[in-house]
C-alpha atoms as a PDB file:
ATOM      1  CA  MET A   1      43.232  18.817  -1.204  1.00  0.00           C
ATOM      2  CA  LEU A   2      42.855  15.315  -2.554  1.00  0.00           C
ATOM      3  CA  ASP A   3      45.819  12.978  -2.489  1.00  0.00           C
ATOM      4  CA  GLU A   4      46.326   9.946  -4.726  1.00  0.00           C
ATOM      5  CA  LYS A   5      44.621   7.559  -2.248  1.00  0.00           C
ATOM      6  CA  ASP A   6      41.567   9.845  -2.110  1.00  0.00           C
ATOM      7  CA  ARG A   7      41.411   9.780  -5.899  1.00  0.00           C
ATOM      8  CA  GLU A   8      41.690   5.979  -5.921  1.00  0.00           C
ATOM      9  CA  ILE A   9      38.863   5.753  -3.381  1.00  0.00           C
ATOM     10  CA  LEU A  10      36.696   8.114  -5.432  1.00  0.00           C
ATOM     11  CA  ALA A  11      37.340   6.117  -8.610  1.00  0.00           C
ATOM     12  CA  ALA A  12      36.498   2.850  -6.853  1.00  0.00           C
ATOM     13  CA  LEU A  13      33.289   4.239  -5.331  1.00  0.00           C
ATOM     14  CA  GLN A  14      32.153   5.649  -8.676  1.00  0.00           C
ATOM     15  CA  GLU A  15      32.434   2.113 -10.032  1.00  0.00           C
ATOM     16  CA  ASN A  16      30.674   0.513  -7.064  1.00  0.00           C
ATOM     17  CA  ALA A  17      29.357   2.686  -4.247  1.00  0.00           C
ATOM     18  CA  MET A  18      28.399  -0.383  -2.229  1.00  0.00           C
ATOM     19  CA  LEU A  19      31.982  -1.453  -1.533  1.00  0.00           C
ATOM     20  CA  THR A  20      32.474  -2.363   2.092  1.00  0.00           C
ATOM     21  CA  SER A  21      35.354  -0.805   3.977  1.00  0.00           C
ATOM     22  CA  GLU A  22      37.152  -4.126   3.715  1.00  0.00           C
ATOM     23  CA  ALA A  23      36.711  -4.357  -0.059  1.00  0.00           C
ATOM     24  CA  LEU A  24      37.528  -0.677  -0.555  1.00  0.00           C
ATOM     25  CA  GLY A  25      40.647  -0.945   1.570  1.00  0.00           C
ATOM     26  CA  ALA A  26      41.819  -4.030  -0.337  1.00  0.00           C
ATOM     27  CA  ARG A  27      41.236  -2.260  -3.624  1.00  0.00           C
ATOM     28  CA  VAL A  28      43.279   0.817  -2.710  1.00  0.00           C
ATOM     29  CA  TYR A  29      45.823  -0.905  -0.428  1.00  0.00           C
ATOM     30  CA  LEU A  30      44.649   0.579   2.860  1.00  0.00           C
ATOM     31  CA  SER A  31      43.365  -1.024   6.033  1.00  0.00           C
ATOM     32  CA  PRO A  32      39.555  -1.166   6.282  1.00  0.00           C
ATOM     33  CA  SER A  33      39.585   1.430   9.071  1.00  0.00           C
ATOM     34  CA  GLN A  34      41.756   3.832   7.043  1.00  0.00           C
ATOM     35  CA  ALA A  35      39.509   3.381   3.982  1.00  0.00           C
ATOM     36  CA  ALA A  36      36.415   4.002   6.103  1.00  0.00           C
ATOM     37  CA  ARG A  37      37.886   7.154   7.674  1.00  0.00           C
ATOM     38  CA  ARG A  38      38.871   8.544   4.289  1.00  0.00           C
ATOM     39  CA  ARG A  39      35.418   7.787   2.855  1.00  0.00           C
ATOM     40  CA  GLN A  40      33.768   9.509   5.839  1.00  0.00           C
ATOM     41  CA  ARG A  41      36.016  12.544   5.381  1.00  0.00           C
ATOM     42  CA  LEU A  42      35.207  12.738   1.661  1.00  0.00           C
ATOM     43  CA  GLU A  43      31.495  12.573   2.535  1.00  0.00           C
ATOM     44  CA  ALA A  44      31.785  15.160   5.328  1.00  0.00           C
ATOM     45  CA  GLN A  45      33.653  17.661   3.166  1.00  0.00           C
ATOM     46  CA  GLY A  46      31.083  17.294   0.371  1.00  0.00           C
ATOM     47  CA  THR A  47      33.332  15.646  -2.229  1.00  0.00           C
ATOM     48  CA  ILE A  48      30.959  12.663  -2.177  1.00  0.00           C
ATOM     49  CA  THR A  49      27.505  14.179  -2.360  1.00  0.00           C
ATOM     50  CA  SER A  50      25.299  11.060  -2.495  1.00  0.00           C
ATOM     51  CA  TYR A  51      25.004   7.423  -3.461  1.00  0.00           C
ATOM     52  CA  ARG A  52      22.466   6.222  -6.024  1.00  0.00           C
ATOM     53  CA  ALA A  53      21.340   3.091  -7.773  1.00  0.00           C
ATOM     54  CA  ARG A  54      21.506   3.064 -11.576  1.00  0.00           C
ATOM     55  CA  LEU A  55      18.283   1.619 -12.995  1.00  0.00           C
ATOM     56  CA  ASP A  56      17.514  -0.018 -16.334  1.00  0.00           C
ATOM     57  CA  PRO A  57      15.025   2.388 -17.981  1.00  0.00           C
ATOM     58  CA  ALA A  58      13.306  -0.337 -20.010  1.00  0.00           C
ATOM     59  CA  GLN A  59      12.620  -2.406 -16.902  1.00  0.00           C
ATOM     60  CA  ILE A  60      10.768   0.479 -15.271  1.00  0.00           C
ATOM     61  CA  GLY A  61       8.719   1.393 -18.344  1.00  0.00           C
ATOM     62  CA  LEU A  62      10.813   4.193 -19.829  1.00  0.00           C
ATOM     63  CA  GLY A  63      11.244   3.698 -23.562  1.00  0.00           C
ATOM     64  CA  VAL A  64      12.110   7.171 -24.883  1.00  0.00           C
ATOM     65  CA  GLN A  65      15.046   9.358 -23.925  1.00  0.00           C
ATOM     66  CA  ALA A  66      15.244  12.807 -25.464  1.00  0.00           C
ATOM     67  CA  PHE A  67      17.139  16.055 -25.231  1.00  0.00           C
ATOM     68  CA  VAL A  68      14.926  19.114 -25.259  1.00  0.00           C
ATOM     69  CA  GLN A  69      16.258  22.591 -25.949  1.00  0.00           C
ATOM     70  CA  VAL A  70      14.150  25.422 -24.582  1.00  0.00           C
ATOM     71  CA  GLN A  71      14.439  28.997 -25.790  1.00  0.00           C
ATOM     72  CA  MET A  72      12.843  31.603 -23.580  1.00  0.00           C
ATOM     73  CA  GLY A  73      10.857  34.499 -24.986  1.00  0.00           C
ATOM     74  CA  THR A  74      11.460  36.634 -21.922  1.00  0.00           C
ATOM     75  CA  HIS A  75      14.332  36.613 -19.489  1.00  0.00           C
ATOM     76  CA  THR A  76      12.830  38.062 -16.344  1.00  0.00           C
ATOM     77  CA  PRO A  77      13.865  36.783 -12.921  1.00  0.00           C
ATOM     78  CA  ASP A  78      10.262  35.783 -12.169  1.00  0.00           C
ATOM     79  CA  GLY A  79       9.993  33.872 -15.445  1.00  0.00           C
ATOM     80  CA  ALA A  80      13.219  31.999 -14.722  1.00  0.00           C
ATOM     81  CA  LYS A  81      12.094  31.124 -11.188  1.00  0.00           C
ATOM     82  CA  SER A  82       8.735  29.957 -12.465  1.00  0.00           C
ATOM     83  CA  PHE A  83      10.378  27.802 -15.140  1.00  0.00           C
ATOM     84  CA  LYS A  84      12.752  26.256 -12.587  1.00  0.00           C
ATOM     85  CA  ARG A  85       9.747  25.387 -10.396  1.00  0.00           C
ATOM     86  CA  LEU A  86       8.081  23.759 -13.411  1.00  0.00           C
ATOM     87  CA  LEU A  87      11.184  21.645 -14.070  1.00  0.00           C
ATOM     88  CA  ALA A  88      11.433  20.622 -10.418  1.00  0.00           C
ATOM     89  CA  ALA A  89       7.842  19.347 -10.580  1.00  0.00           C
ATOM     90  CA  MET A  90       8.499  17.175 -13.646  1.00  0.00           C
ATOM     91  CA  PRO A  91      10.098  13.823 -12.746  1.00  0.00           C
ATOM     92  CA  GLN A  92      10.623  13.078 -16.448  1.00  0.00           C
ATOM     93  CA  VAL A  93      13.288  15.802 -16.526  1.00  0.00           C
ATOM     94  CA  VAL A  94      16.322  14.002 -15.128  1.00  0.00           C
ATOM     95  CA  ASN A  95      18.915  16.683 -15.955  1.00  0.00           C
ATOM     96  CA  ALA A  96      18.614  20.368 -16.766  1.00  0.00           C
ATOM     97  CA  TRP A  97      21.299  22.839 -17.715  1.00  0.00           C
ATOM     98  CA  THR A  98      21.367  26.541 -18.560  1.00  0.00           C
ATOM     99  CA  LEU A  99      23.339  27.248 -21.716  1.00  0.00           C
ATOM    100  CA  THR A 100      24.995  29.921 -23.729  1.00  0.00           C
ATOM    101  CA  GLY A 101      23.928  30.225 -27.346  1.00  0.00           C
ATOM    102  CA  GLU A 102      20.498  30.024 -28.962  1.00  0.00           C
ATOM    103  CA  ALA A 103      18.856  27.706 -26.423  1.00  0.00           C
ATOM    104  CA  ASP A 104      18.566  28.873 -22.843  1.00  0.00           C
ATOM    105  CA  TYR A 105      18.047  25.415 -21.313  1.00  0.00           C
ATOM    106  CA  LEU A 106      18.912  21.866 -22.244  1.00  0.00           C
ATOM    107  CA  LEU A 107      16.772  19.164 -20.660  1.00  0.00           C
ATOM    108  CA  ARG A 108      17.424  15.435 -20.622  1.00  0.00           C
ATOM    109  CA  VAL A 109      14.102  13.654 -20.304  1.00  0.00           C
ATOM    110  CA  TRP A 110      12.883  10.076 -20.004  1.00  0.00           C
ATOM    111  CA  CYS A 111       9.316   9.195 -20.990  1.00  0.00           C
ATOM    112  CA  ALA A 112       7.346   5.988 -21.361  1.00  0.00           C
ATOM    113  CA  ASP A 113       6.754   6.536 -25.074  1.00  0.00           C
ATOM    114  CA  LEU A 114       6.473   9.169 -27.812  1.00  0.00           C
ATOM    115  CA  SER A 115       2.971  10.096 -26.730  1.00  0.00           C
ATOM    116  CA  ALA A 116       4.230  10.904 -23.234  1.00  0.00           C
ATOM    117  CA  LEU A 117       7.057  12.988 -24.706  1.00  0.00           C
ATOM    118  CA  ASN A 118       4.540  14.852 -26.860  1.00  0.00           C
ATOM    119  CA  THR A 119       2.405  15.547 -23.775  1.00  0.00           C
ATOM    120  CA  LEU A 120       5.419  16.777 -21.825  1.00  0.00           C
ATOM    121  CA  ILE A 121       6.369  19.208 -24.584  1.00  0.00           C
ATOM    122  CA  HIS A 122       2.922  20.437 -25.659  1.00  0.00           C
ATOM    123  CA  ASP A 123       1.046  20.357 -22.358  1.00  0.00           C
ATOM    124  CA  ARG A 124       3.770  21.245 -19.863  1.00  0.00           C
ATOM    125  CA  LEU A 125       6.671  23.119 -21.472  1.00  0.00           C
ATOM    126  CA  LEU A 126       5.165  25.143 -24.328  1.00  0.00           C
ATOM    127  CA  PRO A 127       2.286  26.605 -22.265  1.00  0.00           C
ATOM    128  CA  HIS A 128       4.738  28.219 -19.843  1.00  0.00           C
ATOM    129  CA  PRO A 129       4.448  31.991 -20.404  1.00  0.00           C
ATOM    130  CA  ALA A 130       8.210  32.561 -20.676  1.00  0.00           C
ATOM    131  CA  VAL A 131       8.864  29.769 -23.205  1.00  0.00           C
ATOM    132  CA  ALA A 132       9.179  30.851 -26.833  1.00  0.00           C
ATOM    133  CA  ARG A 133      10.424  27.707 -28.558  1.00  0.00           C
ATOM    134  CA  VAL A 134      11.124  24.049 -27.847  1.00  0.00           C
ATOM    135  CA  HIS A 135      13.299  21.777 -29.982  1.00  0.00           C
ATOM    136  CA  SER A 136      13.554  18.077 -29.168  1.00  0.00           C
ATOM    137  CA  GLN A 137      15.946  15.364 -30.252  1.00  0.00           C
ATOM    138  CA  ILE A 138      15.076  11.736 -29.565  1.00  0.00           C
ATOM    139  CA  VAL A 139      17.930   9.451 -28.602  1.00  0.00           C
ATOM    140  CA  MET A 140      18.135   6.522 -30.998  1.00  0.00           C
ATOM    141  CA  GLU A 141      20.904   4.655 -29.168  1.00  0.00           C
ATOM    142  CA  GLN A 142      22.907   5.553 -26.096  1.00  0.00           C
ATOM    143  CA  LEU A 143      26.519   4.667 -26.834  1.00  0.00           C
ATOM    144  CA  LYS A 144      27.920   5.489 -23.396  1.00  0.00           C
ATOM    145  CA  GLN A 145      26.249   5.603 -20.016  1.00  0.00           C
ATOM    146  CA  ALA A 146      26.850   8.439 -17.589  1.00  0.00           C
ATOM    147  CA  ALA A 147      30.500   7.838 -16.890  1.00  0.00           C
ATOM    148  CA  ALA A 148      32.517   8.338 -13.755  1.00  0.00           C
ATOM    149  CA  LEU A 149      34.177  11.705 -13.383  1.00  0.00           C
ATOM    150  CA  PRO A 150      37.880  11.669 -14.196  1.00  0.00           C
ATOM    151  CA  VAL A 151      39.646  11.754 -10.809  1.00  0.00           C
END
């Protein structure tokens, strides 16, 4: 179970995962050693799964973000496994979800440009034997970045 201090620590670390124990403790009104122990416990129990840097896509050559809906033509276990392996091998796919409704998968992709997005769709996704249809939507403006989870 998470108590209020755990939730404060999680909120603070979602804002800045590089907080030292001293800074974290000051932020949540705990001693540095107590803050460090709580952080270690949250890591050990799997509440905190990793720490990552958030990058500016434009500065690393990524100019197009898109959401791609994939509808499968067949729903065999082998086809699903094969499609998951394809997604795992594509670094442009930064998120992938299975869905209810018409589309079976929703992919969030980042590409250098429209040509690269076209290649991803026509040369990688559509040739997969289980894929029946692909529908893409290009992001014009991102109004909100991936936000912290509500804790």
